[in-house]
Each structure stands twice: as C-alpha cells, then as structure tokens.
C-alpha cells in the first residue's frame, strides 16, 4: 500500500525552506521511488566577489604563474586556495 504524502507548503524564502527540510523526513512529502536522476551540465556554483589587498609584487608573481599555465590569475588563486583548504 502506498503511503499518503503530505503536501509541501509554500515558503516565503529559501531560508525558511531550508529550516523546514532540516527538521523533516522528505519521504513524508516525496515519493522517491518515482524519482529520476537529473543532470545540470551548465550549473555553476554561486560565487561572492571579495576584495583582497595584495602587495603588487605578489600579484605580479601570481599573474606570471597563471600566464605560464594559460589560466586567468583569479582562477589560479581560487585553485590554490581550494587546494590549501583541502589539505588543512
């Protein structure tokens, strides 16, 4: 016998929805047996711009390293930061 599902309420914002799902079992609201795998090939992670003051000489060395790798220097900085955080 199939379980009767509860209706999913309307949420005023993403934070309220997040709080709701943090305290509920989704199987009370969703029939996961009929779920299909989804692919989002063009989805990019959200980013936040920050301001970071660097000595000019350090920034120039980073730009040279990025140029040698043929990548934008900001991408190289993000890669280095991610690698460092993973090792910590």
PDB file of N, CA and C in Angstrom:
ATOM      1  N   UNK A   1       0.843  -1.181   0.000  1.00  0.00           N
ATOM      2  CA  UNK A   1       0.000   0.000   0.000  1.00  0.00           C
ATOM      3  C   UNK A   1       0.888   1.245   0.000  1.00  0.00           C
ATOM      4  N   UNK A   2       0.548   2.201  -0.853  1.00  0.00           N
ATOM      5  CA  UNK A   2       1.320   3.438  -0.921  1.00  0.00           C
ATOM      6  C   UNK A   2       0.987   4.370   0.230  1.00  0.00           C
ATOM      7  N   UNK A   3       1.977   5.005   0.721  1.00  0.00           N
ATOM      8  CA  UNK A   3       1.840   5.944   1.829  1.00  0.00           C
ATOM      9  C   UNK A   3       1.256   7.255   1.309  1.00  0.00           C
ATOM     10  N   UNK A   4       0.324   7.827   2.028  1.00  0.00           N
ATOM     11  CA  UNK A   4      -0.250   9.121   1.629  1.00  0.00           C
ATOM     12  C   UNK A   4       0.765  10.211   1.962  1.00  0.00           C
ATOM     13  N   UNK A   5       1.077  10.992   0.959  1.00  0.00           N
ATOM     14  CA  UNK A   5       2.088  12.033   1.117  1.00  0.00           C
ATOM     15  C   UNK A   5       1.480  13.323   1.642  1.00  0.00           C
ATOM     16  N   UNK A   6       2.252  14.002   2.471  1.00  0.00           N
ATOM     17  CA  UNK A   6       1.836  15.309   2.983  1.00  0.00           C
ATOM     18  C   UNK A   6       2.111  16.357   1.910  1.00  0.00           C
ATOM     19  N   UNK A   7       1.300  17.416   1.838  1.00  0.00           N
ATOM     20  CA  UNK A   7       1.582  18.479   0.852  1.00  0.00           C
ATOM     21  C   UNK A   7       2.798  19.305   1.294  1.00  0.00           C
ATOM     22  N   UNK A   8       3.587  19.707   0.319  1.00  0.00           N
ATOM     23  CA  UNK A   8       4.742  20.568   0.602  1.00  0.00           C
ATOM     24  C   UNK A   8       4.231  22.002   0.710  1.00  0.00           C
ATOM     25  N   UNK A   9       4.492  22.678   1.833  1.00  0.00           N
ATOM     26  CA  UNK A   9       3.980  24.046   1.989  1.00  0.00           C
ATOM     27  C   UNK A   9       4.718  25.044   1.096  1.00  0.00           C
ATOM     28  N   UNK A  10       4.100  26.201   0.920  1.00  0.00           N
ATOM     29  CA  UNK A  10       4.765  27.299   0.206  1.00  0.00           C
ATOM     30  C   UNK A  10       5.687  27.995   1.209  1.00  0.00           C
ATOM     31  N   UNK A  11       6.847  28.392   0.756  1.00  0.00           N
ATOM     32  CA  UNK A  11       7.822  29.009   1.646  1.00  0.00           C
ATOM     33  C   UNK A  11       8.031  30.463   1.250  1.00  0.00           C
ATOM     34  N   UNK A  12       8.162  31.355   2.239  1.00  0.00           N
ATOM     35  CA  UNK A  12       8.362  32.770   1.904  1.00  0.00           C
ATOM     36  C   UNK A  12       9.747  33.063   1.329  1.00  0.00           C
ATOM     37  N   UNK A  13      10.725  32.196   1.663  1.00  0.00           N
ATOM     38  CA  UNK A  13      12.085  32.409   1.168  1.00  0.00           C
ATOM     39  C   UNK A  13      12.887  31.119   1.304  1.00  0.00           C
ATOM     40  N   UNK A  14      14.077  31.124   0.763  1.00  0.00           N
ATOM     41  CA  UNK A  14      14.922  29.928   0.768  1.00  0.00           C
ATOM     42  C   UNK A  14      15.341  29.528   2.172  1.00  0.00           C
ATOM     43  N   UNK A  15      15.574  30.503   3.023  1.00  0.00           N
ATOM     44  CA  UNK A  15      15.989  30.196   4.400  1.00  0.00           C
ATOM     45  C   UNK A  15      14.892  29.434   5.142  1.00  0.00           C
ATOM     46  N   UNK A  16      13.648  29.843   4.951  1.00  0.00           N
ATOM     47  CA  UNK A  16      12.526  29.153   5.597  1.00  0.00           C
ATOM     48  C   UNK A  16      12.402  27.729   5.067  1.00  0.00           C
ATOM     49  N   UNK A  17      12.589  27.562   3.767  1.00  0.00           N
ATOM     50  CA  UNK A  17      12.523  26.220   3.188  1.00  0.00           C
ATOM     51  C   UNK A  17      13.645  25.335   3.731  1.00  0.00           C
ATOM     52  N   UNK A  18      14.833  25.905   3.847  1.00  0.00           N
ATOM     53  CA  UNK A  18      15.968  25.155   4.374  1.00  0.00           C
ATOM     54  C   UNK A  18      15.687  24.696   5.805  1.00  0.00           C
ATOM     55  N   UNK A  19      15.146  25.611   6.646  1.00  0.00           N
ATOM     56  CA  UNK A  19      14.815  25.245   8.031  1.00  0.00           C
ATOM     57  C   UNK A  19      13.780  24.129   8.064  1.00  0.00           C
ATOM     58  N   UNK A  20      12.801  24.205   7.169  1.00  0.00           N
ATOM     59  CA  UNK A  20      11.754  23.185   7.102  1.00  0.00           C
ATOM     60  C   UNK A  20      12.354  21.813   6.820  1.00  0.00           C
ATOM     61  N   UNK A  21      13.170  21.709   5.775  1.00  0.00           N
ATOM     62  CA  UNK A  21      13.710  20.409   5.372  1.00  0.00           C
ATOM     63  C   UNK A  21      14.755  19.881   6.343  1.00  0.00           C
ATOM     64  N   UNK A  22      15.389  20.766   7.107  1.00  0.00           N
ATOM     65  CA  UNK A  22      16.364  20.316   8.103  1.00  0.00           C
ATOM     66  C   UNK A  22      15.702  19.531   9.226  1.00  0.00           C
ATOM     67  N   UNK A  23      14.413  19.740   9.428  1.00  0.00           N
ATOM     68  CA  UNK A  23      13.718  19.105  10.557  1.00  0.00           C
ATOM     69  C   UNK A  23      12.658  18.106  10.117  1.00  0.00           C
ATOM     70  N   UNK A  24      12.586  17.780   8.838  1.00  0.00           N
ATOM     71  CA  UNK A  24      11.569  16.858   8.329  1.00  0.00           C
ATOM     72  C   UNK A  24      12.204  15.706   7.569  1.00  0.00           C
ATOM     73  N   UNK A  25      11.480  14.625   7.484  1.00  0.00           N
ATOM     74  CA  UNK A  25      11.870  13.483   6.660  1.00  0.00           C
ATOM     75  C   UNK A  25      11.205  13.670   5.300  1.00  0.00           C
ATOM     76  N   UNK A  26      11.998  13.793   4.261  1.00  0.00           N
ATOM     77  CA  UNK A  26      11.445  14.072   2.928  1.00  0.00           C
ATOM     78  C   UNK A  26      10.540  12.964   2.415  1.00  0.00           C
ATOM     79  N   UNK A  27      10.695  11.739   2.930  1.00  0.00           N
ATOM     80  CA  UNK A  27       9.841  10.643   2.453  1.00  0.00           C
ATOM     81  C   UNK A  27       8.383  10.825   2.874  1.00  0.00           C
ATOM     82  N   UNK A  28       8.125  11.731   3.817  1.00  0.00           N
ATOM     83  CA  UNK A  28       6.741  12.058   4.175  1.00  0.00           C
ATOM     84  C   UNK A  28       6.099  12.958   3.121  1.00  0.00           C
ATOM     85  N   UNK A  29       6.924  13.577   2.275  1.00  0.00           N
ATOM     86  CA  UNK A  29       6.452  14.567   1.310  1.00  0.00           C
ATOM     87  C   UNK A  29       6.700  14.195  -0.146  1.00  0.00           C
ATOM     88  N   UNK A  30       7.657  13.317  -0.389  1.00  0.00           N
ATOM     89  CA  UNK A  30       8.069  12.996  -1.761  1.00  0.00           C
ATOM     90  C   UNK A  30       8.126  11.478  -1.935  1.00  0.00           C
ATOM     91  N   UNK A  31       7.592  10.999  -3.054  1.00  0.00           N
ATOM     92  CA  UNK A  31       7.693   9.583  -3.397  1.00  0.00           C
ATOM     93  C   UNK A  31       8.982   9.383  -4.179  1.00  0.00           C
ATOM     94  N   UNK A  32      10.035   8.997  -3.479  1.00  0.00           N
ATOM     95  CA  UNK A  32      11.350   8.876  -4.098  1.00  0.00           C
ATOM     96  C   UNK A  32      11.457   7.662  -5.018  1.00  0.00           C
ATOM     97  N   UNK A  33      10.484   6.745  -4.962  1.00  0.00           N
ATOM     98  CA  UNK A  33      10.546   5.573  -5.843  1.00  0.00           C
ATOM     99  C   UNK A  33      10.325   5.961  -7.299  1.00  0.00           C
ATOM    100  N   UNK A  34       9.708   7.102  -7.532  1.00  0.00           N
ATOM    101  CA  UNK A  34       9.477   7.546  -8.910  1.00  0.00           C
ATOM    102  C   UNK A  34      10.474   8.625  -9.349  1.00  0.00           C
ATOM    103  N   UNK A  35      11.474   8.881  -8.524  1.00  0.00           N
ATOM    104  CA  UNK A  35      12.463   9.920  -8.836  1.00  0.00           C
ATOM    105  C   UNK A  35      13.366   9.475  -9.980  1.00  0.00           C
ATOM    106  N   UNK A  36      13.795  10.442 -10.770  1.00  0.00           N
ATOM    107  CA  UNK A  36      14.723  10.191 -11.867  1.00  0.00           C
ATOM    108  C   UNK A  36      15.955  11.047 -11.657  1.00  0.00           C
ATOM    109  N   UNK A  37      17.107  10.519 -12.056  1.00  0.00           N
ATOM    110  CA  UNK A  37      18.357  11.257 -11.924  1.00  0.00           C
ATOM    111  C   UNK A  37      18.321  12.486 -12.839  1.00  0.00           C
ATOM    112  N   UNK A  38      18.748  13.611 -12.295  1.00  0.00           N
ATOM    113  CA  UNK A  38      18.781  14.856 -13.062  1.00  0.00           C
ATOM    114  C   UNK A  38      20.230  15.255 -13.323  1.00  0.00           C
ATOM    115  N   UNK A  39      20.453  15.891 -14.454  1.00  0.00           N
ATOM    116  CA  UNK A  39      21.780  16.409 -14.790  1.00  0.00           C
ATOM    117  C   UNK A  39      21.651  17.893 -15.077  1.00  0.00           C
ATOM    118  N   UNK A  40      22.572  18.668 -14.555  1.00  0.00           N
ATOM    119  CA  UNK A  40      22.615  20.100 -14.765  1.00  0.00           C
ATOM    120  C   UNK A  40      24.008  20.479 -15.256  1.00  0.00           C
ATOM    121  N   UNK A  41      24.296  20.221 -16.526  1.00  0.00           N
ATOM    122  CA  UNK A  41      25.669  20.410 -17.016  1.00  0.00           C
ATOM    123  C   UNK A  41      26.138  21.859 -17.019  1.00  0.00           C
ATOM    124  N   UNK A  42      25.231  22.821 -17.086  1.00  0.00           N
ATOM    125  CA  UNK A  42      25.648  24.215 -17.165  1.00  0.00           C
ATOM    126  C   UNK A  42      25.524  24.951 -15.831  1.00  0.00           C
ATOM    127  N   UNK A  43      25.232  24.212 -14.765  1.00  0.00           N
ATOM    128  CA  UNK A  43      25.072  24.820 -13.452  1.00  0.00           C
ATOM    129  C   UNK A  43      26.430  25.213 -12.904  1.00  0.00           C
ATOM    130  N   UNK A  44      26.543  26.445 -12.488  1.00  0.00           N
ATOM    131  CA  UNK A  44      27.797  26.931 -11.928  1.00  0.00           C
ATOM    132  C   UNK A  44      27.573  27.244 -10.451  1.00  0.00           C
ATOM    133  N   UNK A  45      28.545  26.930  -9.613  1.00  0.00           N
ATOM    134  CA  UNK A  45      28.377  27.251  -8.201  1.00  0.00           C
ATOM    135  C   UNK A  45      28.278  28.759  -8.001  1.00  0.00           C
ATOM    136  N   UNK A  46      27.465  29.156  -7.054  1.00  0.00           N
ATOM    137  CA  UNK A  46      27.340  30.588  -6.792  1.00  0.00           C
ATOM    138  C   UNK A  46      28.639  31.100  -6.186  1.00  0.00           C
ATOM    139  N   UNK A  47      28.962  32.310  -6.513  1.00  0.00           N
ATOM    140  CA  UNK A  47      30.192  32.916  -6.010  1.00  0.00           C
ATOM    141  C   UNK A  47      29.870  34.278  -5.424  1.00  0.00           C
ATOM    142  N   UNK A  48      30.764  34.728  -4.582  1.00  0.00           N
ATOM    143  CA  UNK A  48      30.633  36.046  -3.967  1.00  0.00           C
ATOM    144  C   UNK A  48      31.921  36.808  -4.253  1.00  0.00           C
ATOM    145  N   UNK A  49      31.802  38.001  -4.799  1.00  0.00           N
ATOM    146  CA  UNK A  49      33.029  38.773  -5.026  1.00  0.00           C
ATOM    147  C   UNK A  49      33.581  39.291  -3.690  1.00  0.00           C
ATOM    148  N   UNK A  50      34.892  39.234  -3.558  1.00  0.00           N
ATOM    149  CA  UNK A  50      35.534  39.777  -2.361  1.00  0.00           C
ATOM    150  C   UNK A  50      36.629  40.738  -2.796  1.00  0.00           C
ATOM    151  N   UNK A  51      37.027  41.565  -1.870  1.00  0.00           N
ATOM    152  CA  UNK A  51      38.133  42.477  -2.115  1.00  0.00           C
ATOM    153  C   UNK A  51      39.309  41.980  -1.294  1.00  0.00           C
ATOM    154  N   UNK A  52      40.441  41.820  -1.937  1.00  0.00           N
ATOM    155  CA  UNK A  52      41.626  41.296  -1.265  1.00  0.00           C
ATOM    156  C   UNK A  52      42.810  42.167  -1.641  1.00  0.00           C
ATOM    157  N   UNK A  53      43.430  42.742  -0.650  1.00  0.00           N
ATOM    158  CA  UNK A  53      44.585  43.591  -0.912  1.00  0.00           C
ATOM    159  C   UNK A  53      45.850  42.743  -0.888  1.00  0.00           C
ATOM    160  N   UNK A  54      46.592  42.793  -1.981  1.00  0.00           N
ATOM    161  CA  UNK A  54      47.841  42.045  -2.105  1.00  0.00           C
ATOM    162  C   UNK A  54      48.966  43.005  -2.444  1.00  0.00           C
ATOM    163  N   UNK A  55      50.170  42.711  -1.994  1.00  0.00           N
ATOM    164  CA  UNK A  55      51.304  43.513  -2.446  1.00  0.00           C
ATOM    165  C   UNK A  55      51.429  43.385  -3.968  1.00  0.00           C
ATOM    166  N   UNK A  56      51.797  44.464  -4.611  1.00  0.00           N
ATOM    167  CA  UNK A  56      51.908  44.484  -6.072  1.00  0.00           C
ATOM    168  C   UNK A  56      52.848  43.383  -6.552  1.00  0.00           C
ATOM    169  N   UNK A  57      53.959  43.205  -5.862  1.00  0.00           N
ATOM    170  CA  UNK A  57      54.934  42.204  -6.309  1.00  0.00           C
ATOM    171  C   UNK A  57      54.346  40.787  -6.240  1.00  0.00           C
ATOM    172  N   UNK A  58      53.543  40.498  -5.217  1.00  0.00           N
ATOM    173  CA  UNK A  58      52.915  39.185  -5.106  1.00  0.00           C
ATOM    174  C   UNK A  58      51.909  38.979  -6.231  1.00  0.00           C
ATOM    175  N   UNK A  59      51.097  39.985  -6.501  1.00  0.00           N
ATOM    176  CA  UNK A  59      50.122  39.877  -7.576  1.00  0.00           C
ATOM    177  C   UNK A  59      50.811  39.675  -8.917  1.00  0.00           C
ATOM    178  N   UNK A  60      51.899  40.351  -9.149  1.00  0.00           N
ATOM    179  CA  UNK A  60      52.633  40.179 -10.407  1.00  0.00           C
ATOM    180  C   UNK A  60      53.173  38.757 -10.530  1.00  0.00           C
ATOM    181  N   UNK A  61      53.695  38.205  -9.432  1.00  0.00           N
ATOM    182  CA  UNK A  61      54.196  36.824  -9.470  1.00  0.00           C
ATOM    183  C   UNK A  61      53.062  35.839  -9.731  1.00  0.00           C
ATOM    184  N   UNK A  62      51.887  36.109  -9.148  1.00  0.00           N
ATOM    185  CA  UNK A  62      50.720  35.245  -9.391  1.00  0.00           C
ATOM    186  C   UNK A  62      50.310  35.326 -10.858  1.00  0.00           C
ATOM    187  N   UNK A  63      50.304  36.517 -11.411  1.00  0.00           N
ATOM    188  CA  UNK A  63      49.929  36.686 -12.820  1.00  0.00           C
ATOM    189  C   UNK A  63      50.913  35.963 -13.742  1.00  0.00           C
ATOM    190  N   UNK A  64      52.187  35.997 -13.404  1.00  0.00           N
ATOM    191  CA  UNK A  64      53.193  35.288 -14.204  1.00  0.00           C
ATOM    192  C   UNK A  64      52.947  33.784 -14.134  1.00  0.00           C
ATOM    193  N   UNK A  65      52.678  33.276 -12.921  1.00  0.00           N
ATOM    194  CA  UNK A  65      52.410  31.842 -12.754  1.00  0.00           C
ATOM    195  C   UNK A  65      51.154  31.441 -13.530  1.00  0.00           C
ATOM    196  N   UNK A  66      50.137  32.295 -13.501  1.00  0.00           N
ATOM    197  CA  UNK A  66      48.897  31.999 -14.225  1.00  0.00           C
ATOM    198  C   UNK A  66      49.144  32.010 -15.729  1.00  0.00           C
ATOM    199  N   UNK A  67      49.940  32.966 -16.192  1.00  0.00           N
ATOM    200  CA  UNK A  67      50.255  33.063 -17.612  1.00  0.00           C
ATOM    201  C   UNK A  67      51.003  31.818 -18.093  1.00  0.00           C
ATOM    202  N   UNK A  68      51.917  31.299 -17.261  1.00  0.00           N
ATOM    203  CA  UNK A  68      52.641  30.078 -17.618  1.00  0.00           C
ATOM    204  C   UNK A  68      51.705  28.882 -17.757  1.00  0.00           C
ATOM    205  N   UNK A  69      50.628  28.895 -16.965  1.00  0.00           N
ATOM    206  CA  UNK A  69      49.654  27.794 -17.004  1.00  0.00           C
ATOM    207  C   UNK A  69      48.513  28.066 -17.980  1.00  0.00           C
ATOM    208  N   UNK A  70      48.530  29.263 -18.577  1.00  0.00           N
ATOM    209  CA  UNK A  70      47.494  29.681 -19.528  1.00  0.00           C
ATOM    210  C   UNK A  70      46.096  29.664 -18.897  1.00  0.00           C
ATOM    211  N   UNK A  71      46.006  30.199 -17.666  1.00  0.00           N
ATOM    212  CA  UNK A  71      44.721  30.337 -16.977  1.00  0.00           C
ATOM    213  C   UNK A  71      44.611  31.756 -16.436  1.00  0.00           C
ATOM    214  N   UNK A  72      43.399  32.246 -16.227  1.00  0.00           N
ATOM    215  CA  UNK A  72      43.251  33.565 -15.608  1.00  0.00           C
ATOM    216  C   UNK A  72      43.818  33.549 -14.179  1.00  0.00           C
ATOM    217  N   UNK A  73      44.430  34.644 -13.782  1.00  0.00           N
ATOM    218  CA  UNK A  73      45.086  34.659 -12.475  1.00  0.00           C
ATOM    219  C   UNK A  73      44.095  34.482 -11.334  1.00  0.00           C
ATOM    220  N   UNK A  74      42.858  34.983 -11.476  1.00  0.00           N
ATOM    221  CA  UNK A  74      41.867  34.807 -10.408  1.00  0.00           C
ATOM    222  C   UNK A  74      41.478  33.333 -10.270  1.00  0.00           C
ATOM    223  N   UNK A  75      41.405  32.625 -11.382  1.00  0.00           N
ATOM    224  CA  UNK A  75      41.117  31.189 -11.338  1.00  0.00           C
ATOM    225  C   UNK A  75      42.245  30.439 -10.648  1.00  0.00           C
ATOM    226  N   UNK A  76      43.472  30.837 -10.923  1.00  0.00           N
ATOM    227  CA  UNK A  76      44.614  30.195 -10.285  1.00  0.00           C
ATOM    228  C   UNK A  76      44.584  30.433  -8.773  1.00  0.00           C
ATOM    229  N   UNK A  77      44.270  31.645  -8.368  1.00  0.00           N
ATOM    230  CA  UNK A  77      44.166  31.949  -6.934  1.00  0.00           C
ATOM    231  C   UNK A  77      43.094  31.066  -6.293  1.00  0.00           C
ATOM    232  N   UNK A  78      41.928  30.936  -6.944  1.00  0.00           N
ATOM    233  CA  UNK A  78      40.854  30.087  -6.400  1.00  0.00           C
ATOM    234  C   UNK A  78      41.305  28.631  -6.290  1.00  0.00           C
ATOM    235  N   UNK A  79      42.018  28.157  -7.292  1.00  0.00           N
ATOM    236  CA  UNK A  79      42.509  26.782  -7.272  1.00  0.00           C
ATOM    237  C   UNK A  79      43.484  26.580  -6.117  1.00  0.00           C
ATOM    238  N   UNK A  80      44.417  27.494  -5.960  1.00  0.00           N
ATOM    239  CA  UNK A  80      45.387  27.385  -4.877  1.00  0.00           C
ATOM    240  C   UNK A  80      44.710  27.433  -3.510  1.00  0.00           C
ATOM    241  N   UNK A  81      43.745  28.316  -3.358  1.00  0.00           N
ATOM    242  CA  UNK A  81      43.030  28.398  -2.079  1.00  0.00           C
ATOM    243  C   UNK A  81      42.272  27.102  -1.788  1.00  0.00           C
ATOM    244  N   UNK A  82      41.601  26.566  -2.794  1.00  0.00           N
ATOM    245  CA  UNK A  82      40.843  25.324  -2.611  1.00  0.00           C
ATOM    246  C   UNK A  82      41.785  24.176  -2.234  1.00  0.00           C
ATOM    247  N   UNK A  83      42.929  24.094  -2.891  1.00  0.00           N
ATOM    248  CA  UNK A  83      43.902  23.045  -2.577  1.00  0.00           C
ATOM    249  C   UNK A  83      44.408  23.179  -1.139  1.00  0.00           C
ATOM    250  N   UNK A  84      44.686  24.393  -0.731  1.00  0.00           N
ATOM    251  CA  UNK A  84      45.192  24.628   0.621  1.00  0.00           C
ATOM    252  C   UNK A  84      44.131  24.256   1.657  1.00  0.00           C
ATOM    253  N   UNK A  85      42.891  24.608   1.424  1.00  0.00           N
ATOM    254  CA  UNK A  85      41.814  24.291   2.363  1.00  0.00           C
ATOM    255  C   UNK A  85      41.614  22.782   2.460  1.00  0.00           C
ATOM    256  N   UNK A  86      41.731  22.077   1.329  1.00  0.00           N
ATOM    257  CA  UNK A  86      41.584  20.621   1.335  1.00  0.00           C
ATOM    258  C   UNK A  86      42.661  19.954   2.170  1.00  0.00           C
ATOM    259  N   UNK A  87      43.871  20.488   2.143  1.00  0.00           N
ATOM    260  CA  UNK A  87      44.987  19.904   2.904  1.00  0.00           C
ATOM    261  C   UNK A  87      44.897  20.214   4.381  1.00  0.00           C
ATOM    262  N   UNK A  88      44.153  21.242   4.747  1.00  0.00           N
ATOM    263  CA  UNK A  88      44.083  21.652   6.173  1.00  0.00           C
ATOM    264  C   UNK A  88      43.207  20.745   6.989  1.00  0.00           C
TER     265      UNK A  88
END
